[in-house]
């Protein structure tokens, strides 16, 4: 028996192209999952049968964190560029 006391009777097999698989693998790596495990969790989540914390919520949280990091990195980049201009102008004075 599998964990949770439920027996699994059916296997689902599907194919992804290279770019789809790469995206699945990348997300699975970020979440500490195997691609197969992540695909199963996504299907169970979609069907409302998720056995763990909401995968969709975790992905959305990761997307929000990513967007915040992108914005923060842009801000830091602008500040560094400003500081470089200030230092350059002081050296030129």
PDB file of N, CA and C in Angstrom:
ATOM      1  N   UNK A   1       0.825  -1.190   0.000  1.00  0.00           N
ATOM      2  CA  UNK A   1       0.000   0.000   0.000  1.00  0.00           C
ATOM      3  C   UNK A   1       0.866   1.249   0.000  1.00  0.00           C
ATOM      4  N   UNK A   2       0.399   2.260  -0.657  1.00  0.00           N
ATOM      5  CA  UNK A   2       1.089   3.546  -0.684  1.00  0.00           C
ATOM      6  C   UNK A   2       0.787   4.297   0.607  1.00  0.00           C
ATOM      7  N   UNK A   3       1.565   5.365   0.852  1.00  0.00           N
ATOM      8  CA  UNK A   3       1.313   6.178   2.033  1.00  0.00           C
ATOM      9  C   UNK A   3      -0.090   6.761   1.968  1.00  0.00           C
ATOM     10  N   UNK A   4      -0.713   6.897   3.109  1.00  0.00           N
ATOM     11  CA  UNK A   4      -2.072   7.418   3.141  1.00  0.00           C
ATOM     12  C   UNK A   4      -3.103   6.305   3.042  1.00  0.00           C
ATOM     13  N   UNK A   5      -2.662   5.053   2.872  1.00  0.00           N
ATOM     14  CA  UNK A   5      -3.574   3.929   2.841  1.00  0.00           C
ATOM     15  C   UNK A   5      -4.319   3.736   1.535  1.00  0.00           C
ATOM     16  N   UNK A   6      -4.020   4.512   0.512  1.00  0.00           N
ATOM     17  CA  UNK A   6      -4.721   4.373  -0.771  1.00  0.00           C
ATOM     18  C   UNK A   6      -3.871   3.569  -1.741  1.00  0.00           C
ATOM     19  N   UNK A   7      -4.515   2.630  -2.411  1.00  0.00           N
ATOM     20  CA  UNK A   7      -3.813   1.867  -3.437  1.00  0.00           C
ATOM     21  C   UNK A   7      -3.928   2.599  -4.760  1.00  0.00           C
ATOM     22  N   UNK A   8      -2.867   2.538  -5.520  1.00  0.00           N
ATOM     23  CA  UNK A   8      -2.856   3.153  -6.849  1.00  0.00           C
ATOM     24  C   UNK A   8      -3.012   2.039  -7.877  1.00  0.00           C
ATOM     25  N   UNK A   9      -4.016   2.171  -8.740  1.00  0.00           N
ATOM     26  CA  UNK A   9      -4.305   1.130  -9.708  1.00  0.00           C
ATOM     27  C   UNK A   9      -4.018   1.516 -11.146  1.00  0.00           C
ATOM     28  N   UNK A  10      -3.956   2.788 -11.430  1.00  0.00           N
ATOM     29  CA  UNK A  10      -3.812   3.228 -12.816  1.00  0.00           C
ATOM     30  C   UNK A  10      -2.551   4.052 -13.004  1.00  0.00           C
ATOM     31  N   UNK A  11      -1.966   3.865 -14.161  1.00  0.00           N
ATOM     32  CA  UNK A  11      -0.790   4.648 -14.534  1.00  0.00           C
ATOM     33  C   UNK A  11      -1.192   5.593 -15.659  1.00  0.00           C
ATOM     34  N   UNK A  12      -0.707   6.811 -15.580  1.00  0.00           N
ATOM     35  CA  UNK A  12      -0.957   7.800 -16.624  1.00  0.00           C
ATOM     36  C   UNK A  12       0.383   8.126 -17.261  1.00  0.00           C
ATOM     37  N   UNK A  13       0.399   8.111 -18.580  1.00  0.00           N
ATOM     38  CA  UNK A  13       1.634   8.402 -19.300  1.00  0.00           C
ATOM     39  C   UNK A  13       1.331   9.470 -20.335  1.00  0.00           C
ATOM     40  N   UNK A  14       2.185  10.489 -20.387  1.00  0.00           N
ATOM     41  CA  UNK A  14       2.025  11.517 -21.404  1.00  0.00           C
ATOM     42  C   UNK A  14       3.400  12.009 -21.814  1.00  0.00           C
ATOM     43  N   UNK A  15       3.440  12.674 -22.947  1.00  0.00           N
ATOM     44  CA  UNK A  15       4.704  13.140 -23.504  1.00  0.00           C
ATOM     45  C   UNK A  15       4.738  14.658 -23.538  1.00  0.00           C
ATOM     46  N   UNK A  16       5.916  15.199 -23.286  1.00  0.00           N
ATOM     47  CA  UNK A  16       6.155  16.636 -23.362  1.00  0.00           C
ATOM     48  C   UNK A  16       7.250  16.881 -24.379  1.00  0.00           C
ATOM     49  N   UNK A  17       7.182  18.027 -25.048  1.00  0.00           N
ATOM     50  CA  UNK A  17       8.317  18.349 -25.915  1.00  0.00           C
ATOM     51  C   UNK A  17       9.468  18.836 -25.028  1.00  0.00           C
ATOM     52  N   UNK A  18      10.615  19.049 -25.633  1.00  0.00           N
ATOM     53  CA  UNK A  18      11.824  19.371 -24.875  1.00  0.00           C
ATOM     54  C   UNK A  18      11.653  20.628 -24.017  1.00  0.00           C
ATOM     55  N   UNK A  19      11.064  21.682 -24.588  1.00  0.00           N
ATOM     56  CA  UNK A  19      10.916  22.932 -23.828  1.00  0.00           C
ATOM     57  C   UNK A  19       9.912  22.771 -22.679  1.00  0.00           C
ATOM     58  N   UNK A  20       8.840  22.012 -22.900  1.00  0.00           N
ATOM     59  CA  UNK A  20       7.870  21.773 -21.827  1.00  0.00           C
ATOM     60  C   UNK A  20       8.518  20.991 -20.692  1.00  0.00           C
ATOM     61  N   UNK A  21       9.281  19.967 -21.051  1.00  0.00           N
ATOM     62  CA  UNK A  21       9.949  19.170 -20.022  1.00  0.00           C
ATOM     63  C   UNK A  21      10.966  20.011 -19.260  1.00  0.00           C
ATOM     64  N   UNK A  22      11.711  20.850 -19.979  1.00  0.00           N
ATOM     65  CA  UNK A  22      12.703  21.707 -19.321  1.00  0.00           C
ATOM     66  C   UNK A  22      12.038  22.623 -18.299  1.00  0.00           C
ATOM     67  N   UNK A  23      10.872  23.174 -18.655  1.00  0.00           N
ATOM     68  CA  UNK A  23      10.150  24.042 -17.713  1.00  0.00           C
ATOM     69  C   UNK A  23       9.666  23.249 -16.505  1.00  0.00           C
ATOM     70  N   UNK A  24       9.143  22.044 -16.745  1.00  0.00           N
ATOM     71  CA  UNK A  24       8.696  21.190 -15.648  1.00  0.00           C
ATOM     72  C   UNK A  24       9.867  20.832 -14.745  1.00  0.00           C
ATOM     73  N   UNK A  25      10.984  20.448 -15.340  1.00  0.00           N
ATOM     74  CA  UNK A  25      12.171  20.067 -14.564  1.00  0.00           C
ATOM     75  C   UNK A  25      12.684  21.242 -13.749  1.00  0.00           C
ATOM     76  N   UNK A  26      12.728  22.417 -14.354  1.00  0.00           N
ATOM     77  CA  UNK A  26      13.205  23.609 -13.660  1.00  0.00           C
ATOM     78  C   UNK A  26      12.333  23.922 -12.442  1.00  0.00           C
ATOM     79  N   UNK A  27      11.024  23.885 -12.625  1.00  0.00           N
ATOM     80  CA  UNK A  27      10.114  24.148 -11.517  1.00  0.00           C
ATOM     81  C   UNK A  27      10.232  23.062 -10.453  1.00  0.00           C
ATOM     82  N   UNK A  28      10.341  21.815 -10.885  1.00  0.00           N
ATOM     83  CA  UNK A  28      10.488  20.711  -9.935  1.00  0.00           C
ATOM     84  C   UNK A  28      11.754  20.891  -9.106  1.00  0.00           C
ATOM     85  N   UNK A  29      12.844  21.273  -9.750  1.00  0.00           N
ATOM     86  CA  UNK A  29      14.096  21.506  -9.024  1.00  0.00           C
ATOM     87  C   UNK A  29      13.931  22.616  -7.993  1.00  0.00           C
ATOM     88  N   UNK A  30      13.254  23.704  -8.380  1.00  0.00           N
ATOM     89  CA  UNK A  30      13.028  24.817  -7.452  1.00  0.00           C
ATOM     90  C   UNK A  30      12.225  24.382  -6.236  1.00  0.00           C
ATOM     91  N   UNK A  31      11.298  23.451  -6.448  1.00  0.00           N
ATOM     92  CA  UNK A  31      10.424  22.998  -5.370  1.00  0.00           C
ATOM     93  C   UNK A  31      10.971  21.772  -4.647  1.00  0.00           C
ATOM     94  N   UNK A  32      12.124  21.273  -5.084  1.00  0.00           N
ATOM     95  CA  UNK A  32      12.710  20.096  -4.453  1.00  0.00           C
ATOM     96  C   UNK A  32      11.951  18.818  -4.752  1.00  0.00           C
ATOM     97  N   UNK A  33      11.396  18.731  -5.938  1.00  0.00           N
ATOM     98  CA  UNK A  33      10.605  17.567  -6.357  1.00  0.00           C
ATOM     99  C   UNK A  33      11.226  16.950  -7.601  1.00  0.00           C
ATOM    100  N   UNK A  34      10.824  15.721  -7.906  1.00  0.00           N
ATOM    101  CA  UNK A  34      11.168  15.141  -9.200  1.00  0.00           C
ATOM    102  C   UNK A  34      10.104  15.612 -10.193  1.00  0.00           C
ATOM    103  N   UNK A  35      10.418  15.623 -11.492  1.00  0.00           N
ATOM    104  CA  UNK A  35       9.393  16.016 -12.467  1.00  0.00           C
ATOM    105  C   UNK A  35       8.131  15.155 -12.381  1.00  0.00           C
ATOM    106  N   UNK A  36       8.290  13.847 -12.203  1.00  0.00           N
ATOM    107  CA  UNK A  36       7.122  12.955 -12.122  1.00  0.00           C
ATOM    108  C   UNK A  36       6.274  13.270 -10.894  1.00  0.00           C
ATOM    109  N   UNK A  37       6.938  13.484  -9.761  1.00  0.00           N
ATOM    110  CA  UNK A  37       6.221  13.806  -8.529  1.00  0.00           C
ATOM    111  C   UNK A  37       5.480  15.129  -8.655  1.00  0.00           C
ATOM    112  N   UNK A  38       6.137  16.109  -9.263  1.00  0.00           N
ATOM    113  CA  UNK A  38       5.497  17.410  -9.456  1.00  0.00           C
ATOM    114  C   UNK A  38       4.290  17.287 -10.382  1.00  0.00           C
ATOM    115  N   UNK A  39       4.430  16.545 -11.482  1.00  0.00           N
ATOM    116  CA  UNK A  39       3.311  16.365 -12.417  1.00  0.00           C
ATOM    117  C   UNK A  39       2.121  15.722 -11.702  1.00  0.00           C
ATOM    118  N   UNK A  40       2.401  14.725 -10.873  1.00  0.00           N
ATOM    119  CA  UNK A  40       1.335  14.061 -10.121  1.00  0.00           C
ATOM    120  C   UNK A  40       0.661  15.049  -9.170  1.00  0.00           C
ATOM    121  N   UNK A  41       1.459  15.833  -8.466  1.00  0.00           N
ATOM    122  CA  UNK A  41       0.887  16.806  -7.534  1.00  0.00           C
ATOM    123  C   UNK A  41       0.045  17.849  -8.263  1.00  0.00           C
ATOM    124  N   UNK A  42       0.503  18.269  -9.436  1.00  0.00           N
ATOM    125  CA  UNK A  42      -0.261  19.250 -10.213  1.00  0.00           C
ATOM    126  C   UNK A  42      -1.616  18.667 -10.611  1.00  0.00           C
ATOM    127  N   UNK A  43      -1.619  17.424 -11.076  1.00  0.00           N
ATOM    128  CA  UNK A  43      -2.880  16.780 -11.474  1.00  0.00           C
ATOM    129  C   UNK A  43      -3.805  16.636 -10.269  1.00  0.00           C
ATOM    130  N   UNK A  44      -3.276  16.158  -9.145  1.00  0.00           N
ATOM    131  CA  UNK A  44      -4.106  15.998  -7.947  1.00  0.00           C
ATOM    132  C   UNK A  44      -4.645  17.342  -7.464  1.00  0.00           C
ATOM    133  N   UNK A  45      -3.803  18.379  -7.531  1.00  0.00           N
ATOM    134  CA  UNK A  45      -4.241  19.722  -7.143  1.00  0.00           C
ATOM    135  C   UNK A  45      -5.376  20.185  -8.057  1.00  0.00           C
ATOM    136  N   UNK A  46      -5.201  19.993  -9.352  1.00  0.00           N
ATOM    137  CA  UNK A  46      -6.217  20.407 -10.329  1.00  0.00           C
ATOM    138  C   UNK A  46      -7.540  19.687 -10.077  1.00  0.00           C
ATOM    139  N   UNK A  47      -7.462  18.422  -9.701  1.00  0.00           N
ATOM    140  CA  UNK A  47      -8.665  17.627  -9.437  1.00  0.00           C
ATOM    141  C   UNK A  47      -9.244  17.877  -8.045  1.00  0.00           C
ATOM    142  N   UNK A  48      -8.563  18.694  -7.251  1.00  0.00           N
ATOM    143  CA  UNK A  48      -9.015  18.964  -5.890  1.00  0.00           C
ATOM    144  C   UNK A  48      -8.726  17.826  -4.943  1.00  0.00           C
ATOM    145  N   UNK A  49      -7.749  17.000  -5.282  1.00  0.00           N
ATOM    146  CA  UNK A  49      -7.423  15.828  -4.476  1.00  0.00           C
ATOM    147  C   UNK A  49      -6.033  15.913  -3.848  1.00  0.00           C
ATOM    148  N   UNK A  50      -5.512  17.105  -3.750  1.00  0.00           N
ATOM    149  CA  UNK A  50      -4.154  17.285  -3.256  1.00  0.00           C
ATOM    150  C   UNK A  50      -4.014  16.736  -1.845  1.00  0.00           C
ATOM    151  N   UNK A  51      -2.945  15.976  -1.631  1.00  0.00           N
ATOM    152  CA  UNK A  51      -2.687  15.386  -0.322  1.00  0.00           C
ATOM    153  C   UNK A  51      -1.742  16.247   0.505  1.00  0.00           C
ATOM    154  N   UNK A  52      -1.178  17.277  -0.097  1.00  0.00           N
ATOM    155  CA  UNK A  52      -0.226  18.119   0.623  1.00  0.00           C
ATOM    156  C   UNK A  52      -0.662  19.572   0.526  1.00  0.00           C
ATOM    157  N   UNK A  53       0.195  20.456   0.996  1.00  0.00           N
ATOM    158  CA  UNK A  53      -0.095  21.893   0.904  1.00  0.00           C
ATOM    159  C   UNK A  53      -0.354  22.252  -0.551  1.00  0.00           C
ATOM    160  N   UNK A  54      -1.133  23.252  -0.759  1.00  0.00           N
ATOM    161  CA  UNK A  54      -1.526  23.645  -2.106  1.00  0.00           C
ATOM    162  C   UNK A  54      -0.320  23.959  -2.975  1.00  0.00           C
ATOM    163  N   UNK A  55      -0.102  23.130  -3.973  1.00  0.00           N
ATOM    164  CA  UNK A  55       1.017  23.336  -4.895  1.00  0.00           C
ATOM    165  C   UNK A  55       0.827  24.628  -5.670  1.00  0.00           C
ATOM    166  N   UNK A  56      -0.394  24.881  -6.073  1.00  0.00           N
ATOM    167  CA  UNK A  56      -0.668  26.108  -6.813  1.00  0.00           C
ATOM    168  C   UNK A  56      -0.297  27.329  -5.980  1.00  0.00           C
ATOM    169  N   UNK A  57      -0.620  27.295  -4.692  1.00  0.00           N
ATOM    170  CA  UNK A  57      -0.271  28.410  -3.810  1.00  0.00           C
ATOM    171  C   UNK A  57       1.242  28.549  -3.710  1.00  0.00           C
ATOM    172  N   UNK A  58       1.946  27.434  -3.594  1.00  0.00           N
ATOM    173  CA  UNK A  58       3.406  27.484  -3.509  1.00  0.00           C
ATOM    174  C   UNK A  58       4.006  28.085  -4.774  1.00  0.00           C
ATOM    175  N   UNK A  59       3.485  27.696  -5.923  1.00  0.00           N
ATOM    176  CA  UNK A  59       3.983  28.244  -7.191  1.00  0.00           C
ATOM    177  C   UNK A  59       3.687  29.740  -7.267  1.00  0.00           C
ATOM    178  N   UNK A  60       2.480  30.131  -6.880  1.00  0.00           N
ATOM    179  CA  UNK A  60       2.125  31.559  -6.892  1.00  0.00           C
ATOM    180  C   UNK A  60       3.016  32.342  -5.940  1.00  0.00           C
ATOM    181  N   UNK A  61       3.286  31.782  -4.766  1.00  0.00           N
ATOM    182  CA  UNK A  61       4.189  32.442  -3.814  1.00  0.00           C
ATOM    183  C   UNK A  61       5.581  32.597  -4.409  1.00  0.00           C
ATOM    184  N   UNK A  62       6.063  31.550  -5.079  1.00  0.00           N
ATOM    185  CA  UNK A  62       7.380  31.634  -5.720  1.00  0.00           C
ATOM    186  C   UNK A  62       7.395  32.702  -6.803  1.00  0.00           C
ATOM    187  N   UNK A  63       6.327  32.791  -7.576  1.00  0.00           N
ATOM    188  CA  UNK A  63       6.249  33.814  -8.625  1.00  0.00           C
ATOM    189  C   UNK A  63       6.282  35.214  -8.024  1.00  0.00           C
ATOM    190  N   UNK A  64       5.548  35.410  -6.918  1.00  0.00           N
ATOM    191  CA  UNK A  64       5.557  36.716  -6.253  1.00  0.00           C
ATOM    192  C   UNK A  64       6.952  37.062  -5.750  1.00  0.00           C
ATOM    193  N   UNK A  65       7.611  36.086  -5.132  1.00  0.00           N
ATOM    194  CA  UNK A  65       8.972  36.323  -4.629  1.00  0.00           C
ATOM    195  C   UNK A  65       9.922  36.635  -5.776  1.00  0.00           C
ATOM    196  N   UNK A  66       9.766  35.929  -6.869  1.00  0.00           N
ATOM    197  CA  UNK A  66      10.606  36.170  -8.041  1.00  0.00           C
ATOM    198  C   UNK A  66      10.416  37.600  -8.550  1.00  0.00           C
ATOM    199  N   UNK A  67       9.165  38.019  -8.669  1.00  0.00           N
ATOM    200  CA  UNK A  67       8.881  39.380  -9.149  1.00  0.00           C
ATOM    201  C   UNK A  67       9.459  40.427  -8.207  1.00  0.00           C
ATOM    202  N   UNK A  68       9.347  40.191  -6.888  1.00  0.00           N
ATOM    203  CA  UNK A  68       9.939  41.133  -5.926  1.00  0.00           C
ATOM    204  C   UNK A  68      11.447  41.186  -6.081  1.00  0.00           C
ATOM    205  N   UNK A  69      12.070  40.028  -6.266  1.00  0.00           N
ATOM    206  CA  UNK A  69      13.524  39.986  -6.457  1.00  0.00           C
ATOM    207  C   UNK A  69      13.940  40.722  -7.720  1.00  0.00           C
ATOM    208  N   UNK A  70      13.178  40.557  -8.787  1.00  0.00           N
ATOM    209  CA  UNK A  70      13.488  41.254 -10.041  1.00  0.00           C
ATOM    210  C   UNK A  70      13.413  42.762  -9.833  1.00  0.00           C
ATOM    211  N   UNK A  71      12.350  43.216  -9.154  1.00  0.00           N
ATOM    212  CA  UNK A  71      12.221  44.657  -8.894  1.00  0.00           C
ATOM    213  C   UNK A  71      13.361  45.158  -8.014  1.00  0.00           C
ATOM    214  N   UNK A  72      13.684  44.417  -6.969  1.00  0.00           N
ATOM    215  CA  UNK A  72      14.759  44.821  -6.060  1.00  0.00           C
ATOM    216  C   UNK A  72      16.101  44.843  -6.778  1.00  0.00           C
ATOM    217  N   UNK A  73      16.346  43.862  -7.610  1.00  0.00           N
ATOM    218  CA  UNK A  73      17.596  43.830  -8.366  1.00  0.00           C
ATOM    219  C   UNK A  73      17.685  45.029  -9.305  1.00  0.00           C
ATOM    220  N   UNK A  74      16.583  45.401  -9.920  1.00  0.00           N
ATOM    221  CA  UNK A  74      16.560  46.586 -10.773  1.00  0.00           C
ATOM    222  C   UNK A  74      16.872  47.843  -9.982  1.00  0.00           C
ATOM    223  N   UNK A  75      16.303  47.942  -8.777  1.00  0.00           N
ATOM    224  CA  UNK A  75      16.569  49.095  -7.917  1.00  0.00           C
ATOM    225  C   UNK A  75      18.038  49.158  -7.532  1.00  0.00           C
ATOM    226  N   UNK A  76      18.601  48.027  -7.131  1.00  0.00           N
ATOM    227  CA  UNK A  76      20.017  47.977  -6.753  1.00  0.00           C
ATOM    228  C   UNK A  76      20.889  48.350  -7.946  1.00  0.00           C
ATOM    229  N   UNK A  77      20.539  47.858  -9.106  1.00  0.00           N
ATOM    230  CA  UNK A  77      21.300  48.170 -10.318  1.00  0.00           C
ATOM    231  C   UNK A  77      21.302  49.678 -10.590  1.00  0.00           C
ATOM    232  N   UNK A  78      20.141  50.302 -10.435  1.00  0.00           N
ATOM    233  CA  UNK A  78      20.066  51.761 -10.638  1.00  0.00           C
ATOM    234  C   UNK A  78      20.896  52.509  -9.602  1.00  0.00           C
ATOM    235  N   UNK A  79      20.863  52.058  -8.352  1.00  0.00           N
ATOM    236  CA  UNK A  79      21.649  52.715  -7.302  1.00  0.00           C
ATOM    237  C   UNK A  79      23.145  52.575  -7.554  1.00  0.00           C
ATOM    238  N   UNK A  80      23.578  51.403  -7.979  1.00  0.00           N
ATOM    239  CA  UNK A  80      24.998  51.199  -8.284  1.00  0.00           C
ATOM    240  C   UNK A  80      25.417  52.095  -9.443  1.00  0.00           C
ATOM    241  N   UNK A  81      24.589  52.201 -10.466  1.00  0.00           N
ATOM    242  CA  UNK A  81      24.905  53.070 -11.602  1.00  0.00           C
ATOM    243  C   UNK A  81      25.017  54.519 -11.144  1.00  0.00           C
ATOM    244  N   UNK A  82      24.112  54.952 -10.254  1.00  0.00           N
ATOM    245  CA  UNK A  82      24.160  56.317  -9.725  1.00  0.00           C
ATOM    246  C   UNK A  82      25.458  56.539  -8.945  1.00  0.00           C
ATOM    247  N   UNK A  83      25.795  55.590  -8.067  1.00  0.00           N
ATOM    248  CA  UNK A  83      27.025  55.718  -7.277  1.00  0.00           C
ATOM    249  C   UNK A  83      28.257  55.758  -8.171  1.00  0.00           C
ATOM    250  N   UNK A  84      28.249  54.983  -9.235  1.00  0.00           N
ATOM    251  CA  UNK A  84      29.387  54.999 -10.165  1.00  0.00           C
ATOM    252  C   UNK A  84      29.510  56.367 -10.827  1.00  0.00           C
ATOM    253  N   UNK A  85      28.370  56.968 -11.198  1.00  0.00           N
ATOM    254  CA  UNK A  85      28.407  58.314 -11.791  1.00  0.00           C
ATOM    255  C   UNK A  85      28.935  59.336 -10.794  1.00  0.00           C
ATOM    256  N   UNK A  86      28.508  59.236  -9.524  1.00  0.00           N
ATOM    257  CA  UNK A  86      28.967  60.169  -8.489  1.00  0.00           C
ATOM    258  C   UNK A  86      30.467  60.038  -8.293  1.00  0.00           C
ATOM    259  N   UNK A  87      30.958  58.817  -8.166  1.00  0.00           N
ATOM    260  CA  UNK A  87      32.395  58.589  -7.971  1.00  0.00           C
ATOM    261  C   UNK A  87      33.170  59.102  -9.174  1.00  0.00           C
ATOM    262  N   UNK A  88      32.674  58.820 -10.353  1.00  0.00           N
ATOM    263  CA  UNK A  88      33.342  59.262 -11.582  1.00  0.00           C
ATOM    264  C   UNK A  88      33.405  60.789 -11.646  1.00  0.00           C
ATOM    265  N   UNK A  89      32.309  61.458 -11.274  1.00  0.00           N
ATOM    266  CA  UNK A  89      32.298  62.926 -11.332  1.00  0.00           C
ATOM    267  C   UNK A  89      33.220  63.532 -10.279  1.00  0.00           C
ATOM    268  N   UNK A  90      33.340  62.901  -9.112  1.00  0.00           N
ATOM    269  CA  UNK A  90      34.234  63.416  -8.066  1.00  0.00           C
ATOM    270  C   UNK A  90      35.693  63.230  -8.462  1.00  0.00           C
ATOM    271  N   UNK A  91      35.984  62.155  -9.156  1.00  0.00           N
ATOM    272  CA  UNK A  91      37.362  61.936  -9.625  1.00  0.00           C
ATOM    273  C   UNK A  91      37.726  62.939 -10.712  1.00  0.00           C
ATOM    274  N   UNK A  92      36.730  63.340 -11.480  1.00  0.00           N
ATOM    275  CA  UNK A  92      36.955  64.273 -12.581  1.00  0.00           C
ATOM    276  C   UNK A  92      37.031  65.721 -12.127  1.00  0.00           C
ATOM    277  N   UNK A  93      36.631  66.030 -10.881  1.00  0.00           N
ATOM    278  CA  UNK A  93      36.628  67.421 -10.415  1.00  0.00           C
ATOM    279  C   UNK A  93      37.993  67.921 -10.045  1.00  0.00           C
TER     280      UNK A  93
END
